[in-house]
Amino acid sequence: APNFRMNSQLSYIGSDQEYIVSRPTIIEGGLLDRGLRSG
């Protein structure tokens, strides 16, 4: 009707990621460590 409405929605959302990354961090002795992190 002019003053009554309906909205129905069916949704699919997908995502995937993979990575290997170096983490720059200062460790003992003031050295730079680049330990691996991943996901």
Full PDB file with SEQRES, HELIX, SHEET, SSBOND, CRYST1, ORIGX, SCALE, CONECT and MASTER records, all heavy atoms in Angstrom:
SEQRES   1 A   39  ALA PRO ASN PHE ARG MET ASN SER GLN LEU SER TYR ILE          
SEQRES   2 A   39  GLY SER ASP GLN GLU TYR ILE VAL SER ARG PRO THR ILE          
SEQRES   3 A   39  ILE GLU GLY GLY LEU LEU ASP ARG GLY LEU ARG SER GLY          
HELIX    1 AA1 GLU A   28  GLY A   30  5                                   3    
SHEET    1 AA1 2 ILE A  20  ILE A  27  0                                        
SHEET    2 AA1 2 LEU A  31  SER A  38 -1                                        
CRYST1    1.000    1.000    1.000  90.00  90.00  90.00 P 1           1          
ORIGX1      1.000000  0.000000  0.000000        0.00000                         
ORIGX2      0.000000  1.000000  0.000000        0.00000                         
ORIGX3      0.000000  0.000000  1.000000        0.00000                         
SCALE1      1.000000  0.000000  0.000000        0.00000                         
SCALE2      0.000000  1.000000  0.000000        0.00000                         
SCALE3      0.000000  0.000000  1.000000        0.00000                         
ATOM      1  N   ALA A   1       0.864  -1.167   0.000  1.00  0.00           N  
ATOM      2  CA  ALA A   1       0.000   0.000   0.000  1.00  0.00           C  
ATOM      3  C   ALA A   1       0.907   1.224   0.000  1.00  0.00           C  
ATOM      4  O   ALA A   1       2.121   1.102   0.213  1.00  0.00           O  
ATOM      5  CB  ALA A   1      -0.925  -0.017   1.226  1.00  0.00           C  
ATOM      6  N   PRO A   2       0.336   2.409  -0.234  1.00  0.00           N  
ATOM      7  CA  PRO A   2       1.197   3.600  -0.284  1.00  0.00           C  
ATOM      8  C   PRO A   2       2.021   3.823   0.975  1.00  0.00           C  
ATOM      9  O   PRO A   2       3.047   4.474   0.929  1.00  0.00           O  
ATOM     10  CB  PRO A   2       0.196   4.743  -0.503  1.00  0.00           C  
ATOM     11  CG  PRO A   2      -0.964   4.106  -1.178  1.00  0.00           C  
ATOM     12  CD  PRO A   2      -1.065   2.724  -0.596  1.00  0.00           C  
ATOM     13  N   ASN A   3       1.578   3.265   2.096  1.00  0.00           N  
ATOM     14  CA  ASN A   3       2.285   3.506   3.352  1.00  0.00           C  
ATOM     15  C   ASN A   3       2.733   2.214   4.037  1.00  0.00           C  
ATOM     16  O   ASN A   3       2.917   2.170   5.251  1.00  0.00           O  
ATOM     17  CB  ASN A   3       1.407   4.312   4.309  1.00  0.00           C  
ATOM     18  CG  ASN A   3       0.073   3.632   4.568  1.00  0.00           C  
ATOM     19  OD1 ASN A   3      -0.206   2.563   4.014  1.00  0.00           O  
ATOM     20  ND2 ASN A   3      -0.747   4.257   5.403  1.00  0.00           N  
ATOM     21  N   PHE A   4       2.927   1.139   3.249  1.00  0.00           N  
ATOM     22  CA  PHE A   4       3.373  -0.122   3.844  1.00  0.00           C  
ATOM     23  C   PHE A   4       4.209  -0.892   2.820  1.00  0.00           C  
ATOM     24  O   PHE A   4       3.724  -1.214   1.734  1.00  0.00           O  
ATOM     25  CB  PHE A   4       2.183  -0.960   4.287  1.00  0.00           C  
ATOM     26  CG  PHE A   4       2.583  -2.201   5.054  1.00  0.00           C  
ATOM     27  CD1 PHE A   4       3.479  -2.134   6.109  1.00  0.00           C  
ATOM     28  CD2 PHE A   4       2.059  -3.437   4.717  1.00  0.00           C  
ATOM     29  CE1 PHE A   4       3.844  -3.271   6.819  1.00  0.00           C  
ATOM     30  CE2 PHE A   4       2.406  -4.579   5.420  1.00  0.00           C  
ATOM     31  CZ  PHE A   4       3.307  -4.493   6.475  1.00  0.00           C  
ATOM     32  N   ARG A   5       5.478  -1.182   3.196  1.00  0.00           N  
ATOM     33  CA  ARG A   5       6.438  -1.760   2.263  1.00  0.00           C  
ATOM     34  C   ARG A   5       7.175  -2.931   2.900  1.00  0.00           C  
ATOM     35  O   ARG A   5       7.244  -3.040   4.125  1.00  0.00           O  
ATOM     36  CB  ARG A   5       7.462  -0.692   1.836  1.00  0.00           C  
ATOM     37  CG  ARG A   5       6.818   0.530   1.205  1.00  0.00           C  
ATOM     38  CD  ARG A   5       7.805   1.680   1.065  1.00  0.00           C  
ATOM     39  NE  ARG A   5       8.199   2.250   2.355  1.00  0.00           N  
ATOM     40  CZ  ARG A   5       7.488   3.166   3.011  1.00  0.00           C  
ATOM     41  NH1 ARG A   5       6.326   3.576   2.523  1.00  0.00           N  
ATOM     42  NH2 ARG A   5       7.918   3.664   4.146  1.00  0.00           N  
ATOM     43  N   MET A   6       7.730  -3.752   2.058  1.00  0.00           N  
ATOM     44  CA  MET A   6       8.494  -4.913   2.510  1.00  0.00           C  
ATOM     45  C   MET A   6       9.805  -4.988   1.735  1.00  0.00           C  
ATOM     46  O   MET A   6       9.866  -4.676   0.547  1.00  0.00           O  
ATOM     47  CB  MET A   6       7.680  -6.190   2.305  1.00  0.00           C  
ATOM     48  CG  MET A   6       8.354  -7.482   2.773  1.00  0.00           C  
ATOM     49  SD  MET A   6       9.436  -8.222   1.511  1.00  0.00           S  
ATOM     50  CE  MET A   6       8.248  -8.638   0.249  1.00  0.00           C  
ATOM     51  N   ASN A   7      10.844  -5.418   2.420  1.00  0.00           N  
ATOM     52  CA  ASN A   7      12.161  -5.610   1.813  1.00  0.00           C  
ATOM     53  C   ASN A   7      12.739  -6.905   2.364  1.00  0.00           C  
ATOM     54  O   ASN A   7      12.991  -7.008   3.570  1.00  0.00           O  
ATOM     55  CB  ASN A   7      13.072  -4.419   2.151  1.00  0.00           C  
ATOM     56  CG  ASN A   7      14.453  -4.528   1.546  1.00  0.00           C  
ATOM     57  OD1 ASN A   7      15.046  -5.606   1.507  1.00  0.00           O  
ATOM     58  ND2 ASN A   7      14.999  -3.410   1.111  1.00  0.00           N  
ATOM     59  N   SER A   8      12.921  -7.911   1.501  1.00  0.00           N  
ATOM     60  CA  SER A   8      13.545  -9.174   1.909  1.00  0.00           C  
ATOM     61  C   SER A   8      14.859  -9.338   1.175  1.00  0.00           C  
ATOM     62  O   SER A   8      14.957  -9.027  -0.023  1.00  0.00           O  
ATOM     63  CB  SER A   8      12.629 -10.361   1.587  1.00  0.00           C  
ATOM     64  OG  SER A   8      11.620 -10.498   2.559  1.00  0.00           O  
ATOM     65  N   GLN A   9      15.870  -9.838   1.885  1.00  0.00           N  
ATOM     66  CA  GLN A   9      17.206  -9.927   1.301  1.00  0.00           C  
ATOM     67  C   GLN A   9      17.883 -11.220   1.729  1.00  0.00           C  
ATOM     68  O   GLN A   9      17.922 -11.556   2.911  1.00  0.00           O  
ATOM     69  CB  GLN A   9      18.037  -8.719   1.741  1.00  0.00           C  
ATOM     70  CG  GLN A   9      19.443  -8.680   1.192  1.00  0.00           C  
ATOM     71  CD  GLN A   9      20.130  -7.363   1.509  1.00  0.00           C  
ATOM     72  OE1 GLN A   9      19.652  -6.291   1.167  1.00  0.00           O  
ATOM     73  NE2 GLN A   9      21.275  -7.440   2.188  1.00  0.00           N  
ATOM     74  N   LEU A  10      18.394 -11.950   0.759  1.00  0.00           N  
ATOM     75  CA  LEU A  10      19.202 -13.146   0.991  1.00  0.00           C  
ATOM     76  C   LEU A  10      20.619 -12.834   0.546  1.00  0.00           C  
ATOM     77  O   LEU A  10      20.832 -12.422  -0.604  1.00  0.00           O  
ATOM     78  CB  LEU A  10      18.638 -14.335   0.216  1.00  0.00           C  
ATOM     79  CG  LEU A  10      19.391 -15.665   0.334  1.00  0.00           C  
ATOM     80  CD1 LEU A  10      19.349 -16.180   1.772  1.00  0.00           C  
ATOM     81  CD2 LEU A  10      18.812 -16.702  -0.626  1.00  0.00           C  
ATOM     82  N   SER A  11      21.596 -13.007   1.431  1.00  0.00           N  
ATOM     83  CA  SER A  11      22.957 -12.560   1.162  1.00  0.00           C  
ATOM     84  C   SER A  11      23.970 -13.661   1.415  1.00  0.00           C  
ATOM     85  O   SER A  11      23.817 -14.477   2.336  1.00  0.00           O  
ATOM     86  CB  SER A  11      23.315 -11.355   2.051  1.00  0.00           C  
ATOM     87  OG  SER A  11      22.392 -10.303   1.895  1.00  0.00           O  
ATOM     88  N   TYR A  12      24.993 -13.647   0.603  1.00  0.00           N  
ATOM     89  CA  TYR A  12      26.183 -14.485   0.818  1.00  0.00           C  
ATOM     90  C   TYR A  12      27.392 -13.568   0.786  1.00  0.00           C  
ATOM     91  O   TYR A  12      27.549 -12.756  -0.140  1.00  0.00           O  
ATOM     92  CB  TYR A  12      26.314 -15.550  -0.262  1.00  0.00           C  
ATOM     93  CG  TYR A  12      27.689 -16.207  -0.282  1.00  0.00           C  
ATOM     94  CD1 TYR A  12      27.996 -17.245   0.583  1.00  0.00           C  
ATOM     95  CD2 TYR A  12      28.688 -15.749  -1.146  1.00  0.00           C  
ATOM     96  CE1 TYR A  12      29.251 -17.830   0.587  1.00  0.00           C  
ATOM     97  CE2 TYR A  12      29.947 -16.321  -1.152  1.00  0.00           C  
ATOM     98  CZ  TYR A  12      30.232 -17.363  -0.280  1.00  0.00           C  
ATOM     99  OH  TYR A  12      31.481 -17.925  -0.276  1.00  0.00           O  
ATOM    100  N   ILE A  13      28.249 -13.681   1.775  1.00  0.00           N  
ATOM    101  CA  ILE A  13      29.499 -12.920   1.825  1.00  0.00           C  
ATOM    102  C   ILE A  13      30.626 -13.895   2.105  1.00  0.00           C  
ATOM    103  O   ILE A  13      30.556 -14.686   3.052  1.00  0.00           O  
ATOM    104  CB  ILE A  13      29.465 -11.827   2.912  1.00  0.00           C  
ATOM    105  CG1 ILE A  13      28.351 -10.821   2.632  1.00  0.00           C  
ATOM    106  CG2 ILE A  13      30.807 -11.114   3.000  1.00  0.00           C  
ATOM    107  CD1 ILE A  13      28.184  -9.792   3.724  1.00  0.00           C  
ATOM    108  N   GLY A  14      31.646 -13.874   1.282  1.00  0.00           N  
ATOM    109  CA  GLY A  14      32.795 -14.753   1.479  1.00  0.00           C  
ATOM    110  C   GLY A  14      34.094 -13.982   1.371  1.00  0.00           C  
ATOM    111  O   GLY A  14      34.198 -13.006   0.622  1.00  0.00           O  
ATOM    112  N   SER A  15      35.065 -14.403   2.122  1.00  0.00           N  
ATOM    113  CA  SER A  15      36.394 -13.794   2.042  1.00  0.00           C  
ATOM    114  C   SER A  15      37.433 -14.827   2.441  1.00  0.00           C  
ATOM    115  O   SER A  15      37.167 -15.706   3.260  1.00  0.00           O  
ATOM    116  CB  SER A  15      36.504 -12.569   2.952  1.00  0.00           C  
ATOM    117  OG  SER A  15      36.418 -12.941   4.324  1.00  0.00           O  
ATOM    118  N   ASP A  16      38.580 -14.740   1.824  1.00  0.00           N  
ATOM    119  CA  ASP A  16      39.710 -15.553   2.269  1.00  0.00           C  
ATOM    120  C   ASP A  16      40.983 -14.785   2.018  1.00  0.00           C  
ATOM    121  O   ASP A  16      41.079 -13.977   1.084  1.00  0.00           O  
ATOM    122  CB  ASP A  16      39.729 -16.916   1.575  1.00  0.00           C  
ATOM    123  CG  ASP A  16      39.889 -16.823   0.066  1.00  0.00           C  
ATOM    124  OD1 ASP A  16      41.015 -16.603  -0.399  1.00  0.00           O  
ATOM    125  OD2 ASP A  16      38.873 -16.970  -0.653  1.00  0.00           O  
ATOM    126  N   GLN A  17      41.932 -15.001   2.873  1.00  0.00           N  
ATOM    127  CA  GLN A  17      43.235 -14.365   2.712  1.00  0.00           C  
ATOM    128  C   GLN A  17      44.304 -15.289   3.268  1.00  0.00           C  
ATOM    129  O   GLN A  17      44.051 -16.099   4.162  1.00  0.00           O  
ATOM    130  CB  GLN A  17      43.277 -13.008   3.409  1.00  0.00           C  
ATOM    131  CG  GLN A  17      43.266 -13.048   4.929  1.00  0.00           C  
ATOM    132  CD  GLN A  17      43.688 -11.717   5.534  1.00  0.00           C  
ATOM    133  OE1 GLN A  17      44.660 -11.094   5.098  1.00  0.00           O  
ATOM    134  NE2 GLN A  17      42.951 -11.258   6.546  1.00  0.00           N  
ATOM    135  N   GLU A  18      45.472 -15.155   2.703  1.00  0.00           N  
ATOM    136  CA  GLU A  18      46.649 -15.844   3.225  1.00  0.00           C  
ATOM    137  C   GLU A  18      47.844 -14.929   3.067  1.00  0.00           C  
ATOM    138  O   GLU A  18      47.943 -14.159   2.104  1.00  0.00           O  
ATOM    139  CB  GLU A  18      46.874 -17.179   2.524  1.00  0.00           C  
ATOM    140  CG  GLU A  18      47.027 -17.135   1.018  1.00  0.00           C  
ATOM    141  CD  GLU A  18      47.169 -18.518   0.416  1.00  0.00           C  
ATOM    142  OE1 GLU A  18      46.142 -19.185   0.202  1.00  0.00           O  
ATOM    143  OE2 GLU A  18      48.322 -18.923   0.177  1.00  0.00           O  
ATOM    144  N   TYR A  19      48.735 -14.987   4.042  1.00  0.00           N  
ATOM    145  CA  TYR A  19      49.886 -14.083   3.994  1.00  0.00           C  
ATOM    146  C   TYR A  19      51.036 -14.615   4.826  1.00  0.00           C  
ATOM    147  O   TYR A  19      50.852 -15.382   5.781  1.00  0.00           O  
ATOM    148  CB  TYR A  19      49.498 -12.684   4.484  1.00  0.00           C  
ATOM    149  CG  TYR A  19      48.968 -12.610   5.903  1.00  0.00           C  
ATOM    150  CD1 TYR A  19      49.818 -12.451   7.001  1.00  0.00           C  
ATOM    151  CD2 TYR A  19      47.600 -12.674   6.147  1.00  0.00           C  
ATOM    152  CE1 TYR A  19      49.330 -12.373   8.286  1.00  0.00           C  
ATOM    153  CE2 TYR A  19      47.099 -12.600   7.434  1.00  0.00           C  
ATOM    154  CZ  TYR A  19      47.968 -12.439   8.506  1.00  0.00           C  
ATOM    155  OH  TYR A  19      47.477 -12.374   9.789  1.00  0.00           O  
ATOM    156  N   ILE A  20      52.210 -14.209   4.424  1.00  0.00           N  
ATOM    157  CA  ILE A  20      53.439 -14.350   5.202  1.00  0.00           C  
ATOM    158  C   ILE A  20      54.046 -12.960   5.273  1.00  0.00           C  
ATOM    159  O   ILE A  20      54.196 -12.278   4.251  1.00  0.00           O  
ATOM    160  CB  ILE A  20      54.430 -15.325   4.550  1.00  0.00           C  
ATOM    161  CG1 ILE A  20      53.856 -16.744   4.548  1.00  0.00           C  
ATOM    162  CG2 ILE A  20      55.767 -15.302   5.276  1.00  0.00           C  
ATOM    163  CD1 ILE A  20      54.757 -17.753   3.857  1.00  0.00           C  
ATOM    164  N   VAL A  21      54.383 -12.531   6.460  1.00  0.00           N  
ATOM    165  CA  VAL A  21      54.862 -11.169   6.639  1.00  0.00           C  
ATOM    166  C   VAL A  21      55.997 -11.170   7.656  1.00  0.00           C  
ATOM    167  O   VAL A  21      56.031 -11.984   8.582  1.00  0.00           O  
ATOM    168  CB  VAL A  21      53.707 -10.254   7.103  1.00  0.00           C  
ATOM    169  CG1 VAL A  21      53.110 -10.748   8.403  1.00  0.00           C  
ATOM    170  CG2 VAL A  21      54.156  -8.808   7.224  1.00  0.00           C  
ATOM    171  N   SER A  22      56.941 -10.269   7.470  1.00  0.00           N  
ATOM    172  CA  SER A  22      58.051 -10.101   8.405  1.00  0.00           C  
ATOM    173  C   SER A  22      57.705  -9.012   9.406  1.00  0.00           C  
ATOM    174  O   SER A  22      57.272  -7.916   9.018  1.00  0.00           O  
ATOM    175  CB  SER A  22      59.335  -9.712   7.655  1.00  0.00           C  
ATOM    176  OG  SER A  22      59.670 -10.689   6.697  1.00  0.00           O  
ATOM    177  N   ARG A  23      57.893  -9.316  10.683  1.00  0.00           N  
ATOM    178  CA  ARG A  23      57.577  -8.344  11.728  1.00  0.00           C  
ATOM    179  C   ARG A  23      58.854  -7.708  12.248  1.00  0.00           C  
ATOM    180  O   ARG A  23      59.627  -8.347  12.970  1.00  0.00           O  
ATOM    181  CB  ARG A  23      56.840  -9.028  12.879  1.00  0.00           C  
ATOM    182  CG  ARG A  23      56.292  -8.041  13.904  1.00  0.00           C  
ATOM    183  CD  ARG A  23      55.772  -8.746  15.139  1.00  0.00           C  
ATOM    184  NE  ARG A  23      56.869  -9.257  15.961  1.00  0.00           N  
ATOM    185  CZ  ARG A  23      56.698  -9.921  17.107  1.00  0.00           C  
ATOM    186  NH1 ARG A  23      55.472 -10.162  17.532  1.00  0.00           N  
ATOM    187  NH2 ARG A  23      57.720 -10.352  17.803  1.00  0.00           N  
ATOM    188  N   PRO A  24      59.117  -6.449  11.908  1.00  0.00           N  
ATOM    189  CA  PRO A  24      60.336  -5.790  12.395  1.00  0.00           C  
ATOM    190  C   PRO A  24      60.196  -5.388  13.860  1.00  0.00           C  
ATOM    191  O   PRO A  24      59.339  -4.591  14.218  1.00  0.00           O  
ATOM    192  CB  PRO A  24      60.454  -4.562  11.483  1.00  0.00           C  
ATOM    193  CG  PRO A  24      59.045  -4.261  11.081  1.00  0.00           C  
ATOM    194  CD  PRO A  24      58.328  -5.578  11.022  1.00  0.00           C  
ATOM    195  N   THR A  25      61.042  -5.977  14.709  1.00  0.00           N  
ATOM    196  CA  THR A  25      60.962  -5.724  16.145  1.00  0.00           C  
ATOM    197  C   THR A  25      62.374  -5.634  16.717  1.00  0.00           C  
ATOM    198  O   THR A  25      63.250  -6.428  16.366  1.00  0.00           O  
ATOM    199  CB  THR A  25      60.208  -6.862  16.859  1.00  0.00           C  
ATOM    200  OG1 THR A  25      58.961  -7.084  16.204  1.00  0.00           O  
ATOM    201  CG2 THR A  25      59.961  -6.518  18.321  1.00  0.00           C  
ATOM    202  N   ILE A  26      62.579  -4.670  17.579  1.00  0.00           N  
ATOM    203  CA  ILE A  26      63.875  -4.532  18.254  1.00  0.00           C  
ATOM    204  C   ILE A  26      63.946  -5.542  19.404  1.00  0.00           C  
ATOM    205  O   ILE A  26      63.043  -5.615  20.246  1.00  0.00           O  
ATOM    206  CB  ILE A  26      64.071  -3.111  18.782  1.00  0.00           C  
ATOM    207  CG1 ILE A  26      64.046  -2.104  17.631  1.00  0.00           C  
ATOM    208  CG2 ILE A  26      65.396  -3.007  19.545  1.00  0.00           C  
ATOM    209  CD1 ILE A  26      65.136  -2.316  16.597  1.00  0.00           C  
ATOM    210  N   ILE A  27      65.043  -6.317  19.428  1.00  0.00           N  
ATOM    211  CA  ILE A  27      65.226  -7.318  20.468  1.00  0.00           C  
ATOM    212  C   ILE A  27      66.499  -7.019  21.252  1.00  0.00           C  
ATOM    213  O   ILE A  27      67.148  -5.985  21.035  1.00  0.00           O  
ATOM    214  CB  ILE A  27      65.277  -8.739  19.863  1.00  0.00           C  
ATOM    215  CG1 ILE A  27      66.451  -8.860  18.878  1.00  0.00           C  
ATOM    216  CG2 ILE A  27      63.956  -9.070  19.173  1.00  0.00           C  
ATOM    217  CD1 ILE A  27      66.661 -10.272  18.369  1.00  0.00           C  
ATOM    218  N   GLU A  28      66.859  -7.914  22.140  1.00  0.00           N  
ATOM    219  CA  GLU A  28      68.022  -7.727  23.013  1.00  0.00           C  
ATOM    220  C   GLU A  28      69.256  -7.369  22.209  1.00  0.00           C  
ATOM    221  O   GLU A  28      69.535  -7.944  21.154  1.00  0.00           O  
ATOM    222  CB  GLU A  28      68.272  -9.002  23.817  1.00  0.00           C  
ATOM    223  CG  GLU A  28      69.368  -8.875  24.854  1.00  0.00           C  
ATOM    224  CD  GLU A  28      69.540 -10.139  25.672  1.00  0.00           C  
ATOM    225  OE1 GLU A  28      68.741 -11.090  25.479  1.00  0.00           O  
ATOM    226  OE2 GLU A  28      70.464 -10.195  26.498  1.00  0.00           O  
ATOM    227  N   GLY A  29      70.007  -6.398  22.703  1.00  0.00           N  
ATOM    228  CA  GLY A  29      71.205  -5.926  22.009  1.00  0.00           C  
ATOM    229  C   GLY A  29      70.921  -4.827  21.004  1.00  0.00           C  
ATOM    230  O   GLY A  29      71.835  -4.370  20.310  1.00  0.00           O  
ATOM    231  N   GLY A  30      69.657  -4.408  20.923  1.00  0.00           N  
ATOM    232  CA  GLY A  30      69.308  -3.355  19.974  1.00  0.00           C  
ATOM    233  C   GLY A  30      69.268  -3.823  18.542  1.00  0.00           C  
ATOM    234  O   GLY A  30      69.279  -3.001  17.617  1.00  0.00           O  
ATOM    235  N   LEU A  31      69.226  -5.152  18.335  1.00  0.00           N  
ATOM    236  CA  LEU A  31      69.189  -5.697  16.979  1.00  0.00           C  
ATOM    237  C   LEU A  31      67.757  -5.720  16.451  1.00  0.00           C  
ATOM    238  O   LEU A  31      66.791  -5.712  17.213  1.00  0.00           O  
ATOM    239  CB  LEU A  31      69.768  -7.110  16.973  1.00  0.00           C  
ATOM    240  CG  LEU A  31      71.239  -7.243  17.378  1.00  0.00           C  
ATOM    241  CD1 LEU A  31      71.657  -8.704  17.431  1.00  0.00           C  
ATOM    242  CD2 LEU A  31      72.144  -6.449  16.435  1.00  0.00           C  
ATOM    243  N   LEU A  32      67.664  -5.763  15.137  1.00  0.00           N  
ATOM    244  CA  LEU A  32      66.361  -5.800  14.473  1.00  0.00           C  
ATOM    245  C   LEU A  32      66.042  -7.232  14.081  1.00  0.00           C  
ATOM    246  O   LEU A  32      66.742  -7.845  13.276  1.00  0.00           O  
ATOM    247  CB  LEU A  32      66.366  -4.900  13.230  1.00  0.00           C  
ATOM    248  CG  LEU A  32      65.078  -4.893  12.395  1.00  0.00           C  
ATOM    249  CD1 LEU A  32      63.928  -4.347  13.220  1.00  0.00           C  
ATOM    250  CD2 LEU A  32      65.258  -4.068  11.134  1.00  0.00           C  
ATOM    251  N   ASP A  33      64.975  -7.759  14.677  1.00  0.00           N  
ATOM    252  CA  ASP A  33      64.514  -9.098  14.347  1.00  0.00           C  
ATOM    253  C   ASP A  33      63.335  -8.988  13.392  1.00  0.00           C  
ATOM    254  O   ASP A  33      62.483  -8.109  13.539  1.00  0.00           O  
ATOM    255  CB  ASP A  33      64.087  -9.840  15.617  1.00  0.00           C  
ATOM    256  CG  ASP A  33      63.462 -11.191  15.300  1.00  0.00           C  
ATOM    257  OD1 ASP A  33      64.216 -12.108  14.959  1.00  0.00           O  
ATOM    258  OD2 ASP A  33      62.226 -11.293  15.372  1.00  0.00           O  
ATOM    259  N   ARG A  34      63.289  -9.887  12.415  1.00  0.00           N  
ATOM    260  CA  ARG A  34      62.199  -9.869  11.442  1.00  0.00           C  
ATOM    261  C   ARG A  34      61.501 -11.225  11.433  1.00  0.00           C  
ATOM    262  O   ARG A  34      61.450 -11.918  10.426  1.00  0.00           O  
ATOM    263  CB  ARG A  34      62.740  -9.500  10.061  1.00  0.00           C  
ATOM    264  CG  ARG A  34      63.228  -8.051  10.023  1.00  0.00           C  
ATOM    265  CD  ARG A  34      63.969  -7.736   8.751  1.00  0.00           C  
ATOM    266  NE  ARG A  34      65.241  -8.443   8.682  1.00  0.00           N  
ATOM    267  CZ  ARG A  34      66.087  -8.354   7.651  1.00  0.00           C  
ATOM    268  NH1 ARG A  34      65.770  -7.609   6.626  1.00  0.00           N  
ATOM    269  NH2 ARG A  34      67.217  -9.020   7.653  1.00  0.00           N  
ATOM    270  N   GLY A  35      60.995 -11.578  12.607  1.00  0.00           N  
ATOM    271  CA  GLY A  35      60.317 -12.857  12.754  1.00  0.00           C  
ATOM    272  C   GLY A  35      59.103 -12.965  11.851  1.00  0.00           C  
ATOM    273  O   GLY A  35      58.404 -11.994  11.586  1.00  0.00           O  
ATOM    274  N   LEU A  36      58.873 -14.169  11.380  1.00  0.00           N  
ATOM    275  CA  LEU A  36      57.782 -14.418  10.447  1.00  0.00           C  
ATOM    276  C   LEU A  36      56.453 -14.506  11.180  1.00  0.00           C  
ATOM    277  O   LEU A  36      56.350 -15.115  12.234  1.00  0.00           O  
ATOM    278  CB  LEU A  36      58.072 -15.713   9.690  1.00  0.00           C  
ATOM    279  CG  LEU A  36      57.052 -16.237   8.679  1.00  0.00           C  
ATOM    280  CD1 LEU A  36      57.783 -17.008   7.590  1.00  0.00           C  
ATOM    281  CD2 LEU A  36      56.016 -17.147   9.342  1.00  0.00           C  
ATOM    282  N   ARG A  37      55.442 -13.883  10.618  1.00  0.00           N  
ATOM    283  CA  ARG A  37      54.063 -14.048  11.046  1.00  0.00           C  
ATOM    284  C   ARG A  37      53.257 -14.463   9.826  1.00  0.00           C  
ATOM    285  O   ARG A  37      53.574 -14.088   8.701  1.00  0.00           O  
ATOM    286  CB  ARG A  37      53.501 -12.756  11.642  1.00  0.00           C  
ATOM    287  CG  ARG A  37      54.197 -12.341  12.942  1.00  0.00           C  
ATOM    288  CD  ARG A  37      53.982 -13.379  14.035  1.00  0.00           C  
ATOM    289  NE  ARG A  37      54.541 -12.967  15.307  1.00  0.00           N  
ATOM    290  CZ  ARG A  37      55.783 -13.192  15.698  1.00  0.00           C  
ATOM    291  NH1 ARG A  37      56.635 -13.794  14.876  1.00  0.00           N  
ATOM    292  NH2 ARG A  37      56.195 -12.807  16.879  1.00  0.00           N  
ATOM    293  N   SER A  38      52.200 -15.220  10.046  1.00  0.00           N  
ATOM    294  CA  SER A  38      51.442 -15.734   8.906  1.00  0.00           C  
ATOM    295  C   SER A  38      49.982 -15.909   9.291  1.00  0.00           C  
ATOM    296  O   SER A  38      49.621 -15.927  10.473  1.00  0.00           O  
ATOM    297  CB  SER A  38      52.015 -17.076   8.438  1.00  0.00           C  
ATOM    298  OG  SER A  38      51.902 -18.055   9.465  1.00  0.00           O  
ATOM    299  N   GLY A  39      49.160 -16.056   8.289  1.00  0.00           N  
ATOM    300  CA  GLY A  39      47.749 -16.300   8.525  1.00  0.00           C  
ATOM    301  C   GLY A  39      47.069 -16.811   7.274  1.00  0.00           C  
ATOM    302  O   GLY A  39      47.438 -16.438   6.154  1.00  0.00           O  
TER     303      GLY A  39                                                      
MASTER        0    0    0    1    2    0    0    6  302    1    0    3          
END                                                                             
